[in-house]
Amino acid sequence: MRGLGLREIVALLALAVVGVIAFQFLDPAASEGGVRSTPTRGPAATVTAEVTAPVSTPTPTASPTATPTPLPLRELARPARFRVEVFDDRPTSGHVKVADGAVEGLALSYAGAPFPDLVDDRWSLVASAPVELPEAGRYRFVLVYRGEVTVRVDGEEAARAAGPSEAGRLEVVFSHGGGTALLEIELRDRGGVAEVRWE
C-alpha cells in the first residue's frame, strides 16, 4: 500500500479550505466577524394589558308626564227659554223646516206628529238656546228622552242616544272654554212616543 502522495495531500487541503469557506457562509455569527455564541435567556418579558370597563352611553329615560288635573265638573242650569224648529223628515220632502217657535223650559212629549201635515214617526225637532258658561271647565246636565236624541254644543256633537219605548236618561258631559255657547238638542221620532225633557 502506498502512502499519500503530493497529489492527494493537495486535494485534501483544497477540500479542507472549501469546507472552512462553506462553514463561514453558513454560520451567520462567523460572517459578521463575531464569535458564535448561544443565546441566553433572560427573564421573560411580561405583557401588561390594562383592562378598562366598557363605557356605556346612558340611555335617556322618558320623564313621566304629569297627569293633567281634570277640569271641575259643573252642573249646567236649564235655560229658561228654547227656540224650537220642527222638520218634516219624509224621504220625499227631505229635511224641511215646517215650524219655528219658542217654549219655556224644555218638556216636550208627542204621542203622534206635532202638526197635522206631518207624518207620525217621520219628523224631528231641534230645541236650541244660548247658555252662559262662567269659566272654562266641564259641564253636565241630564235629559229624559224617548226616540233618538243628539246633543250639540257650538255645533260639535257632545252626546247621542236612541231610546227604547220607555223613557231613557242621557247624561251629557262636555268641556268648554267658557263664555257663551249654543246648546242644541235634536229629537227624532222614529216610532212610538217622542219625548225630551230636562231633568
N, C-alpha and C. Protein backbone atom coordinates (compact mmCIF):
# COMPACT_ATOMS: atom_id res chain seq x y z
N MET A 1 0.86 -1.14 0.00
CA MET A 1 0.00 0.00 0.00
C MET A 1 0.91 1.20 0.00
N ARG A 2 0.52 2.05 -0.79
CA ARG A 2 1.34 3.24 -0.98
C ARG A 2 0.92 4.31 -0.04
N GLY A 3 1.69 5.24 0.39
CA GLY A 3 1.36 6.37 1.24
C GLY A 3 0.76 7.49 0.41
N LEU A 4 0.36 8.49 1.09
CA LEU A 4 -0.29 9.61 0.43
C LEU A 4 0.75 10.38 -0.35
N GLY A 5 0.41 10.64 -1.56
CA GLY A 5 1.31 11.41 -2.38
C GLY A 5 0.95 12.88 -2.32
N LEU A 6 1.75 13.63 -3.02
CA LEU A 6 1.55 15.08 -3.03
C LEU A 6 0.20 15.42 -3.64
N ARG A 7 -0.16 14.72 -4.59
CA ARG A 7 -1.43 15.00 -5.24
C ARG A 7 -2.57 14.80 -4.25
N GLU A 8 -2.59 13.80 -3.48
CA GLU A 8 -3.66 13.53 -2.53
C GLU A 8 -3.67 14.56 -1.41
N ILE A 9 -2.49 14.97 -0.98
CA ILE A 9 -2.42 15.96 0.11
C ILE A 9 -2.97 17.28 -0.37
N VAL A 10 -2.66 17.69 -1.58
CA VAL A 10 -3.18 18.96 -2.11
C VAL A 10 -4.70 18.87 -2.23
N ALA A 11 -5.18 17.73 -2.67
CA ALA A 11 -6.63 17.58 -2.81
C ALA A 11 -7.31 17.64 -1.45
N LEU A 12 -6.69 17.02 -0.44
CA LEU A 12 -7.28 17.07 0.90
C LEU A 12 -7.25 18.48 1.47
N LEU A 13 -6.16 19.20 1.22
CA LEU A 13 -6.09 20.59 1.70
C LEU A 13 -7.12 21.46 0.99
N ALA A 14 -7.28 21.25 -0.30
CA ALA A 14 -8.27 22.04 -1.04
C ALA A 14 -9.68 21.75 -0.50
N LEU A 15 -9.91 20.49 -0.20
CA LEU A 15 -11.21 20.11 0.35
C LEU A 15 -11.42 20.75 1.72
N ALA A 16 -10.39 20.82 2.53
CA ALA A 16 -10.49 21.44 3.84
C ALA A 16 -10.76 22.92 3.72
N VAL A 17 -10.08 23.58 2.76
CA VAL A 17 -10.29 25.03 2.56
C VAL A 17 -11.73 25.29 2.11
N VAL A 18 -12.21 24.47 1.20
CA VAL A 18 -13.60 24.63 0.74
C VAL A 18 -14.56 24.43 1.91
N GLY A 19 -14.31 23.48 2.79
CA GLY A 19 -15.17 23.25 3.95
C GLY A 19 -15.18 24.43 4.89
N VAL A 20 -13.99 25.04 5.13
CA VAL A 20 -13.91 26.20 6.02
C VAL A 20 -14.68 27.37 5.42
N ILE A 21 -14.51 27.59 4.11
CA ILE A 21 -15.21 28.71 3.45
C ILE A 21 -16.72 28.48 3.49
N ALA A 22 -17.11 27.25 3.22
CA ALA A 22 -18.54 26.94 3.25
C ALA A 22 -19.11 27.15 4.66
N PHE A 23 -18.32 26.73 5.66
CA PHE A 23 -18.78 26.91 7.03
C PHE A 23 -18.94 28.40 7.37
N GLN A 24 -18.07 29.24 6.83
CA GLN A 24 -18.15 30.69 7.07
C GLN A 24 -19.44 31.26 6.48
N PHE A 25 -19.83 30.78 5.31
CA PHE A 25 -21.04 31.31 4.68
C PHE A 25 -22.31 30.80 5.36
N LEU A 26 -22.25 29.62 5.90
CA LEU A 26 -23.45 29.05 6.53
C LEU A 26 -23.63 29.51 7.98
N ASP A 27 -22.64 29.96 8.66
CA ASP A 27 -22.74 30.40 10.05
C ASP A 27 -22.90 31.90 10.09
N PRO A 28 -24.04 32.45 10.50
CA PRO A 28 -24.25 33.90 10.49
C PRO A 28 -23.32 34.62 11.44
N ALA A 29 -23.00 34.06 12.57
CA ALA A 29 -22.12 34.75 13.52
C ALA A 29 -20.74 34.89 12.94
N ALA A 30 -20.32 33.89 12.20
CA ALA A 30 -18.97 33.94 11.61
C ALA A 30 -18.91 34.94 10.49
N SER A 31 -20.01 35.12 9.73
CA SER A 31 -19.98 36.06 8.61
C SER A 31 -19.97 37.49 9.10
N GLU A 32 -20.47 37.73 10.31
CA GLU A 32 -20.44 39.10 10.84
C GLU A 32 -19.13 39.38 11.54
N GLY A 33 -18.29 38.44 11.54
CA GLY A 33 -16.98 38.63 12.14
C GLY A 33 -17.01 38.44 13.63
N GLY A 34 -18.09 37.99 14.15
CA GLY A 34 -18.18 37.82 15.60
C GLY A 34 -17.94 36.39 15.97
N VAL A 35 -17.98 36.15 17.22
CA VAL A 35 -17.80 34.80 17.75
C VAL A 35 -19.17 34.20 17.91
N ARG A 36 -19.25 32.97 17.52
CA ARG A 36 -20.53 32.30 17.63
C ARG A 36 -20.84 32.05 19.09
N SER A 37 -22.06 32.43 19.48
CA SER A 37 -22.43 32.24 20.88
C SER A 37 -23.86 31.72 20.93
N THR A 38 -24.18 31.10 21.98
CA THR A 38 -25.55 30.61 22.15
C THR A 38 -26.35 31.68 22.89
N PRO A 39 -27.53 31.91 22.43
CA PRO A 39 -28.33 32.95 23.09
C PRO A 39 -28.65 32.55 24.52
N THR A 40 -28.65 33.53 25.36
CA THR A 40 -29.00 33.29 26.76
C THR A 40 -30.42 33.79 26.99
N ARG A 41 -31.07 33.11 27.84
CA ARG A 41 -32.46 33.50 28.14
C ARG A 41 -32.48 34.36 29.39
N GLY A 42 -33.02 35.53 29.25
CA GLY A 42 -33.17 36.40 30.40
C GLY A 42 -34.55 36.20 31.02
N PRO A 43 -34.90 37.07 31.91
CA PRO A 43 -36.24 36.95 32.49
C PRO A 43 -37.29 37.17 31.41
N ALA A 44 -38.34 36.40 31.47
CA ALA A 44 -39.39 36.50 30.45
C ALA A 44 -40.04 37.88 30.52
N ALA A 45 -40.23 38.41 29.33
CA ALA A 45 -40.89 39.73 29.28
C ALA A 45 -42.35 39.56 29.66
N THR A 46 -42.85 40.47 30.47
CA THR A 46 -44.26 40.41 30.87
C THR A 46 -45.04 41.47 30.12
N VAL A 47 -46.13 41.06 29.59
CA VAL A 47 -47.00 41.98 28.86
C VAL A 47 -48.14 42.33 29.80
N THR A 48 -48.30 43.60 30.06
CA THR A 48 -49.37 44.04 30.96
C THR A 48 -50.44 44.72 30.12
N ALA A 49 -51.62 44.19 30.19
CA ALA A 49 -52.75 44.80 29.48
C ALA A 49 -53.66 45.41 30.53
N GLU A 50 -53.94 46.65 30.34
CA GLU A 50 -54.82 47.33 31.28
C GLU A 50 -56.25 47.17 30.80
N VAL A 51 -57.06 46.53 31.60
CA VAL A 51 -58.45 46.27 31.23
C VAL A 51 -59.32 47.36 31.85
N THR A 52 -60.07 48.03 30.99
CA THR A 52 -60.99 49.06 31.49
C THR A 52 -62.41 48.63 31.16
N ALA A 53 -63.29 48.98 32.02
CA ALA A 53 -64.69 48.64 31.80
C ALA A 53 -65.21 49.41 30.59
N PRO A 54 -66.04 48.78 29.77
CA PRO A 54 -66.57 49.50 28.61
C PRO A 54 -67.41 50.68 29.06
N VAL A 55 -67.25 51.75 28.34
CA VAL A 55 -68.01 52.96 28.67
C VAL A 55 -69.38 52.82 28.03
N SER A 56 -70.40 52.87 28.85
CA SER A 56 -71.75 52.76 28.30
C SER A 56 -72.39 54.13 28.25
N THR A 57 -73.04 54.37 27.13
CA THR A 57 -73.75 55.63 26.98
C THR A 57 -75.08 55.51 27.70
N PRO A 58 -75.37 56.41 28.61
CA PRO A 58 -76.63 56.28 29.34
C PRO A 58 -77.82 56.42 28.40
N THR A 59 -78.77 55.54 28.58
CA THR A 59 -79.99 55.60 27.78
C THR A 59 -80.93 56.61 28.42
N PRO A 60 -81.37 57.59 27.64
CA PRO A 60 -82.29 58.57 28.24
C PRO A 60 -83.62 57.90 28.57
N THR A 61 -84.11 58.19 29.74
CA THR A 61 -85.40 57.66 30.13
C THR A 61 -86.42 58.78 30.05
N ALA A 62 -87.58 58.41 29.58
CA ALA A 62 -88.64 59.41 29.45
C ALA A 62 -89.12 59.80 30.84
N SER A 63 -89.15 61.08 31.07
CA SER A 63 -89.65 61.53 32.36
C SER A 63 -91.17 61.42 32.34
N PRO A 64 -91.74 60.97 33.42
CA PRO A 64 -93.19 60.79 33.42
C PRO A 64 -93.89 62.13 33.24
N THR A 65 -94.90 62.09 32.39
CA THR A 65 -95.66 63.32 32.16
C THR A 65 -96.67 63.47 33.29
N ALA A 66 -96.84 64.67 33.66
CA ALA A 66 -97.78 64.94 34.75
C ALA A 66 -99.20 64.69 34.25
N THR A 67 -99.97 64.01 35.07
CA THR A 67 -101.36 63.78 34.72
C THR A 67 -102.11 65.10 34.90
N PRO A 68 -102.74 65.55 33.81
CA PRO A 68 -103.43 66.83 33.95
C PRO A 68 -104.58 66.73 34.94
N THR A 69 -104.72 67.75 35.71
CA THR A 69 -105.82 67.80 36.67
C THR A 69 -107.11 67.97 35.89
N PRO A 70 -108.08 67.08 36.11
CA PRO A 70 -109.33 67.23 35.35
C PRO A 70 -110.02 68.55 35.69
N LEU A 71 -110.62 69.10 34.67
CA LEU A 71 -111.35 70.35 34.89
C LEU A 71 -112.52 70.08 35.82
N PRO A 72 -112.90 71.05 36.62
CA PRO A 72 -114.03 70.83 37.53
C PRO A 72 -115.32 70.57 36.75
N LEU A 73 -116.18 69.73 37.31
CA LEU A 73 -117.46 69.40 36.69
C LEU A 73 -118.54 70.26 37.32
N ARG A 74 -119.20 71.05 36.48
CA ARG A 74 -120.26 71.94 36.98
C ARG A 74 -121.61 71.51 36.42
N GLU A 75 -122.61 71.67 37.21
CA GLU A 75 -123.98 71.37 36.77
C GLU A 75 -124.48 72.54 35.93
N LEU A 76 -124.94 72.25 34.72
CA LEU A 76 -125.45 73.30 33.83
C LEU A 76 -126.92 73.54 34.14
N ALA A 77 -127.24 74.78 34.44
CA ALA A 77 -128.64 75.14 34.74
C ALA A 77 -129.45 75.12 33.45
N ARG A 78 -130.70 74.70 33.56
CA ARG A 78 -131.56 74.66 32.38
C ARG A 78 -131.85 76.07 31.89
N PRO A 79 -131.68 76.32 30.60
CA PRO A 79 -132.05 77.64 30.07
C PRO A 79 -133.55 77.88 30.26
N ALA A 80 -133.92 79.13 30.45
CA ALA A 80 -135.33 79.46 30.69
C ALA A 80 -136.17 79.30 29.43
N ARG A 81 -135.59 79.54 28.28
CA ARG A 81 -136.36 79.55 27.03
C ARG A 81 -135.56 78.86 25.92
N PHE A 82 -136.27 78.06 25.11
CA PHE A 82 -135.67 77.37 23.97
C PHE A 82 -136.38 77.76 22.69
N ARG A 83 -135.61 77.93 21.64
CA ARG A 83 -136.18 78.07 20.30
C ARG A 83 -136.40 76.64 19.79
N VAL A 84 -137.57 76.36 19.21
CA VAL A 84 -137.88 75.02 18.72
C VAL A 84 -138.20 75.09 17.23
N GLU A 85 -137.46 74.32 16.44
CA GLU A 85 -137.70 74.21 15.00
C GLU A 85 -138.14 72.78 14.71
N VAL A 86 -139.23 72.63 13.96
CA VAL A 86 -139.76 71.30 13.65
C VAL A 86 -139.53 71.03 12.16
N PHE A 87 -139.13 69.77 11.85
CA PHE A 87 -138.77 69.41 10.48
C PHE A 87 -139.56 68.19 10.01
N ASP A 88 -139.93 68.20 8.74
CA ASP A 88 -140.54 67.06 8.07
C ASP A 88 -139.40 66.19 7.54
N ASP A 89 -139.33 64.95 7.99
CA ASP A 89 -138.22 64.07 7.61
C ASP A 89 -138.64 62.97 6.64
N ARG A 90 -139.77 63.14 5.94
CA ARG A 90 -140.16 62.12 4.96
C ARG A 90 -139.14 62.08 3.84
N PRO A 91 -138.85 60.89 3.30
CA PRO A 91 -137.87 60.80 2.21
C PRO A 91 -138.24 61.66 1.01
N THR A 92 -139.53 61.84 0.77
CA THR A 92 -139.95 62.63 -0.40
C THR A 92 -139.74 64.12 -0.20
N SER A 93 -139.79 64.56 1.05
CA SER A 93 -139.65 66.01 1.30
C SER A 93 -138.26 66.40 1.76
N GLY A 94 -137.46 65.42 2.22
CA GLY A 94 -136.14 65.76 2.75
C GLY A 94 -136.28 66.28 4.17
N HIS A 95 -135.38 67.14 4.56
CA HIS A 95 -135.36 67.69 5.93
C HIS A 95 -135.82 69.15 5.83
N VAL A 96 -137.14 69.34 5.82
CA VAL A 96 -137.72 70.67 5.58
C VAL A 96 -138.29 71.23 6.88
N LYS A 97 -137.91 72.48 7.19
CA LYS A 97 -138.45 73.12 8.40
C LYS A 97 -139.90 73.51 8.14
N VAL A 98 -140.79 73.10 9.07
CA VAL A 98 -142.21 73.42 8.92
C VAL A 98 -142.72 74.33 10.04
N ALA A 99 -141.96 74.49 11.10
CA ALA A 99 -142.41 75.36 12.19
C ALA A 99 -141.20 75.89 12.94
N ASP A 100 -141.36 77.09 13.50
CA ASP A 100 -140.29 77.74 14.27
C ASP A 100 -140.96 78.49 15.39
N GLY A 101 -140.65 78.16 16.62
CA GLY A 101 -141.28 78.83 17.74
C GLY A 101 -140.38 78.81 18.96
N ALA A 102 -140.98 79.02 20.13
CA ALA A 102 -140.21 79.04 21.37
C ALA A 102 -141.05 78.40 22.47
N VAL A 103 -140.36 77.81 23.44
CA VAL A 103 -141.03 77.20 24.59
C VAL A 103 -140.29 77.61 25.85
N GLU A 104 -141.03 77.65 26.95
CA GLU A 104 -140.42 77.89 28.25
C GLU A 104 -139.89 76.56 28.77
N GLY A 105 -138.66 76.57 29.26
CA GLY A 105 -138.07 75.33 29.76
C GLY A 105 -137.93 74.32 28.64
N LEU A 106 -137.89 73.06 28.99
CA LEU A 106 -137.80 72.01 27.98
C LEU A 106 -138.49 70.77 28.53
N ALA A 107 -139.74 70.58 28.09
CA ALA A 107 -140.51 69.39 28.46
C ALA A 107 -141.48 69.12 27.31
N LEU A 108 -140.99 68.44 26.27
CA LEU A 108 -141.77 68.19 25.07
C LEU A 108 -142.06 66.70 24.95
N SER A 109 -143.33 66.36 24.68
CA SER A 109 -143.72 64.96 24.53
C SER A 109 -144.83 64.88 23.48
N TYR A 110 -144.68 63.93 22.54
CA TYR A 110 -145.65 63.79 21.44
C TYR A 110 -145.94 62.30 21.23
N ALA A 111 -147.24 61.94 21.32
CA ALA A 111 -147.66 60.56 21.04
C ALA A 111 -147.76 60.35 19.53
N GLY A 112 -147.99 61.40 18.78
CA GLY A 112 -148.06 61.35 17.32
C GLY A 112 -147.30 62.54 16.77
N ALA A 113 -147.61 62.92 15.53
CA ALA A 113 -146.94 64.07 14.92
C ALA A 113 -147.43 65.35 15.58
N PRO A 114 -146.57 66.35 15.78
CA PRO A 114 -146.99 67.58 16.44
C PRO A 114 -147.91 68.46 15.59
N PHE A 115 -147.93 68.26 14.27
CA PHE A 115 -148.79 69.03 13.37
C PHE A 115 -149.48 68.07 12.41
N PRO A 116 -150.70 68.44 11.97
CA PRO A 116 -151.46 67.53 11.09
C PRO A 116 -150.78 67.25 9.75
N ASP A 117 -150.00 68.19 9.23
CA ASP A 117 -149.38 67.97 7.91
C ASP A 117 -148.08 67.16 8.01
N LEU A 118 -147.68 66.73 9.20
CA LEU A 118 -146.50 65.86 9.37
C LEU A 118 -146.95 64.40 9.49
N VAL A 119 -146.09 63.48 9.11
CA VAL A 119 -146.36 62.05 9.22
C VAL A 119 -145.73 61.56 10.52
N ASP A 120 -146.52 60.82 11.31
CA ASP A 120 -146.00 60.27 12.56
C ASP A 120 -144.78 59.39 12.28
N ASP A 121 -143.82 59.46 13.17
CA ASP A 121 -142.56 58.70 13.09
C ASP A 121 -141.64 59.15 11.96
N ARG A 122 -141.93 60.27 11.32
CA ARG A 122 -141.09 60.80 10.24
C ARG A 122 -140.89 62.31 10.39
N TRP A 123 -140.60 62.73 11.61
CA TRP A 123 -140.36 64.16 11.85
C TRP A 123 -139.29 64.30 12.93
N SER A 124 -138.78 65.50 13.07
CA SER A 124 -137.76 65.78 14.10
C SER A 124 -137.90 67.22 14.54
N LEU A 125 -137.26 67.53 15.67
CA LEU A 125 -137.23 68.91 16.14
C LEU A 125 -135.85 69.21 16.70
N VAL A 126 -135.50 70.49 16.69
CA VAL A 126 -134.25 70.96 17.30
C VAL A 126 -134.62 72.06 18.27
N ALA A 127 -134.32 71.84 19.56
CA ALA A 127 -134.52 72.86 20.60
C ALA A 127 -133.15 73.46 20.88
N SER A 128 -133.02 74.78 20.73
CA SER A 128 -131.71 75.43 20.91
C SER A 128 -131.83 76.62 21.85
N ALA A 129 -130.72 76.90 22.54
CA ALA A 129 -130.69 78.04 23.46
C ALA A 129 -129.24 78.43 23.69
N PRO A 130 -128.97 79.74 23.78
CA PRO A 130 -127.63 80.16 24.18
C PRO A 130 -127.48 79.97 25.69
N VAL A 131 -126.31 79.52 26.13
CA VAL A 131 -126.06 79.35 27.56
C VAL A 131 -124.78 80.08 27.91
N GLU A 132 -124.76 80.69 29.09
CA GLU A 132 -123.56 81.38 29.58
C GLU A 132 -122.78 80.43 30.47
N LEU A 133 -121.55 80.18 30.09
CA LEU A 133 -120.67 79.31 30.87
C LEU A 133 -119.65 80.21 31.57
N PRO A 134 -119.71 80.32 32.90
CA PRO A 134 -118.91 81.31 33.62
C PRO A 134 -117.40 81.16 33.48
N GLU A 135 -116.92 79.94 33.26
CA GLU A 135 -115.47 79.74 33.15
C GLU A 135 -115.18 78.46 32.38
N ALA A 136 -113.92 78.30 32.03
CA ALA A 136 -113.51 77.08 31.34
C ALA A 136 -113.69 75.89 32.27
N GLY A 137 -114.16 74.80 31.72
CA GLY A 137 -114.35 73.61 32.55
C GLY A 137 -115.26 72.62 31.87
N ARG A 138 -115.69 71.63 32.66
CA ARG A 138 -116.61 70.61 32.17
C ARG A 138 -117.99 70.90 32.75
N TYR A 139 -119.00 70.69 31.91
CA TYR A 139 -120.38 70.96 32.30
C TYR A 139 -121.21 69.70 32.09
N ARG A 140 -122.26 69.58 32.90
CA ARG A 140 -123.08 68.37 32.90
C ARG A 140 -124.55 68.73 33.04
N PHE A 141 -125.39 67.96 32.34
CA PHE A 141 -126.83 68.00 32.55
C PHE A 141 -127.42 66.67 32.11
N VAL A 142 -128.67 66.41 32.47
CA VAL A 142 -129.31 65.12 32.17
C VAL A 142 -130.62 65.38 31.43
N LEU A 143 -130.85 64.57 30.39
CA LEU A 143 -132.11 64.61 29.64
C LEU A 143 -132.84 63.29 29.83
N VAL A 144 -134.17 63.37 29.90
CA VAL A 144 -135.02 62.18 29.83
C VAL A 144 -135.59 62.18 28.42
N TYR A 145 -135.58 61.04 27.74
CA TYR A 145 -135.97 61.05 26.33
C TYR A 145 -136.61 59.73 25.91
N ARG A 146 -137.35 59.79 24.81
CA ARG A 146 -137.81 58.63 24.04
C ARG A 146 -137.62 59.01 22.58
N GLY A 147 -137.07 58.12 21.79
CA GLY A 147 -136.74 58.42 20.39
C GLY A 147 -135.23 58.50 20.25
N GLU A 148 -134.78 59.23 19.23
CA GLU A 148 -133.34 59.44 19.01
C GLU A 148 -132.99 60.86 19.42
N VAL A 149 -131.96 60.99 20.25
CA VAL A 149 -131.55 62.31 20.74
C VAL A 149 -130.08 62.54 20.40
N THR A 150 -129.79 63.75 19.90
CA THR A 150 -128.42 64.19 19.65
C THR A 150 -128.25 65.55 20.31
N VAL A 151 -127.16 65.72 21.07
CA VAL A 151 -126.88 67.00 21.73
C VAL A 151 -125.61 67.57 21.12
N ARG A 152 -125.67 68.85 20.72
CA ARG A 152 -124.51 69.55 20.16
C ARG A 152 -124.25 70.82 20.97
N VAL A 153 -122.97 71.13 21.15
CA VAL A 153 -122.55 72.37 21.80
C VAL A 153 -121.66 73.10 20.81
N ASP A 154 -122.06 74.29 20.42
CA ASP A 154 -121.34 75.07 19.40
C ASP A 154 -121.11 74.25 18.13
N GLY A 155 -122.11 73.46 17.75
CA GLY A 155 -122.04 72.68 16.52
C GLY A 155 -121.31 71.35 16.64
N GLU A 156 -120.65 71.10 17.76
CA GLU A 156 -119.91 69.84 17.97
C GLU A 156 -120.78 68.86 18.76
N GLU A 157 -120.85 67.62 18.27
CA GLU A 157 -121.66 66.62 18.96
C GLU A 157 -121.07 66.31 20.34
N ALA A 158 -121.92 66.39 21.37
CA ALA A 158 -121.50 66.11 22.74
C ALA A 158 -122.04 64.78 23.23
N ALA A 159 -123.23 64.36 22.72
CA ALA A 159 -123.83 63.10 23.15
C ALA A 159 -124.88 62.68 22.13
N ARG A 160 -125.12 61.36 22.09
CA ARG A 160 -126.13 60.81 21.18
C ARG A 160 -126.68 59.54 21.81
N ALA A 161 -127.99 59.31 21.65
CA ALA A 161 -128.60 58.08 22.16
C ALA A 161 -129.89 57.80 21.41
N ALA A 162 -130.22 56.53 21.32
CA ALA A 162 -131.50 56.10 20.75
C ALA A 162 -132.21 55.32 21.84
N GLY A 163 -133.38 55.82 22.24
CA GLY A 163 -134.04 55.25 23.40
C GLY A 163 -135.06 54.18 23.06
N PRO A 164 -135.35 53.34 24.02
CA PRO A 164 -136.40 52.33 23.87
C PRO A 164 -137.77 53.00 23.96
N SER A 165 -138.81 52.17 23.95
CA SER A 165 -140.16 52.73 24.04
C SER A 165 -140.40 53.40 25.39
N GLU A 166 -139.74 52.90 26.45
CA GLU A 166 -139.85 53.59 27.74
C GLU A 166 -138.78 54.68 27.80
N ALA A 167 -138.96 55.60 28.72
CA ALA A 167 -138.05 56.75 28.81
C ALA A 167 -136.65 56.31 29.23
N GLY A 168 -135.66 56.93 28.61
CA GLY A 168 -134.27 56.69 28.98
C GLY A 168 -133.66 57.97 29.53
N ARG A 169 -132.51 57.84 30.18
CA ARG A 169 -131.79 59.00 30.71
C ARG A 169 -130.47 59.14 29.96
N LEU A 170 -130.16 60.35 29.56
CA LEU A 170 -128.90 60.62 28.87
C LEU A 170 -128.15 61.68 29.67
N GLU A 171 -126.99 61.27 30.23
CA GLU A 171 -126.14 62.23 30.93
C GLU A 171 -125.20 62.85 29.90
N VAL A 172 -125.23 64.16 29.80
CA VAL A 172 -124.41 64.88 28.83
C VAL A 172 -123.30 65.60 29.60
N VAL A 173 -122.04 65.32 29.24
CA VAL A 173 -120.88 65.99 29.83
C VAL A 173 -120.05 66.54 28.68
N PHE A 174 -119.71 67.82 28.75
CA PHE A 174 -118.89 68.42 27.70
C PHE A 174 -117.92 69.42 28.31
N SER A 175 -116.82 69.67 27.58
CA SER A 175 -115.82 70.66 28.00
C SER A 175 -115.98 71.90 27.16
N HIS A 176 -115.72 73.05 27.79
CA HIS A 176 -115.84 74.32 27.06
C HIS A 176 -114.88 75.33 27.67
N GLY A 177 -114.44 76.26 26.85
CA GLY A 177 -113.50 77.29 27.31
C GLY A 177 -114.14 78.42 28.08
N GLY A 178 -115.45 78.41 28.22
CA GLY A 178 -116.14 79.48 28.94
C GLY A 178 -116.71 80.52 27.99
N GLY A 179 -117.68 81.28 28.47
CA GLY A 179 -118.34 82.29 27.64
C GLY A 179 -119.69 81.78 27.16
N THR A 180 -120.20 82.38 26.08
CA THR A 180 -121.50 81.99 25.54
C THR A 180 -121.34 80.79 24.61
N ALA A 181 -122.21 79.81 24.78
CA ALA A 181 -122.21 78.62 23.92
C ALA A 181 -123.62 78.38 23.42
N LEU A 182 -123.73 77.81 22.22
CA LEU A 182 -125.05 77.47 21.67
C LEU A 182 -125.31 75.99 21.93
N LEU A 183 -126.37 75.72 22.68
CA LEU A 183 -126.76 74.35 23.01
C LEU A 183 -127.90 73.94 22.08
N GLU A 184 -127.76 72.80 21.41
CA GLU A 184 -128.81 72.28 20.51
C GLU A 184 -129.14 70.85 20.92
N ILE A 185 -130.45 70.59 21.07
CA ILE A 185 -130.92 69.25 21.41
C ILE A 185 -131.86 68.82 20.30
N GLU A 186 -131.46 67.79 19.56
CA GLU A 186 -132.27 67.30 18.43
C GLU A 186 -132.99 66.03 18.84
N LEU A 187 -134.30 65.98 18.59
CA LEU A 187 -135.12 64.80 18.88
C LEU A 187 -135.72 64.31 17.56
N ARG A 188 -135.54 63.03 17.27
CA ARG A 188 -136.12 62.42 16.06
C ARG A 188 -137.15 61.38 16.48
N ASP A 189 -138.35 61.48 15.88
CA ASP A 189 -139.40 60.50 16.14
C ASP A 189 -139.26 59.38 15.12
N ARG A 190 -138.98 58.18 15.60
CA ARG A 190 -138.82 57.03 14.71
C ARG A 190 -139.72 55.86 15.13
N GLY A 191 -140.71 56.14 15.95
CA GLY A 191 -141.66 55.10 16.37
C GLY A 191 -142.08 55.30 17.81
N GLY A 192 -143.38 55.19 18.07
CA GLY A 192 -143.88 55.36 19.42
C GLY A 192 -143.87 56.82 19.85
N VAL A 193 -143.78 57.02 21.16
CA VAL A 193 -143.79 58.37 21.73
C VAL A 193 -142.42 59.02 21.53
N ALA A 194 -142.43 60.30 21.16
CA ALA A 194 -141.19 61.10 21.08
C ALA A 194 -141.23 62.09 22.23
N GLU A 195 -140.16 62.09 23.02
CA GLU A 195 -140.16 62.93 24.22
C GLU A 195 -138.75 63.38 24.53
N VAL A 196 -138.63 64.61 25.03
CA VAL A 196 -137.37 65.09 25.58
C VAL A 196 -137.69 66.12 26.66
N ARG A 197 -137.04 65.97 27.79
CA ARG A 197 -137.20 66.96 28.86
C ARG A 197 -135.92 67.03 29.68
N TRP A 198 -135.70 68.22 30.22
CA TRP A 198 -134.52 68.48 31.06
C TRP A 198 -134.81 67.94 32.44
N GLU A 199 -133.92 67.16 33.01
CA GLU A 199 -134.17 66.61 34.35
C GLU A 199 -133.51 67.49 35.40
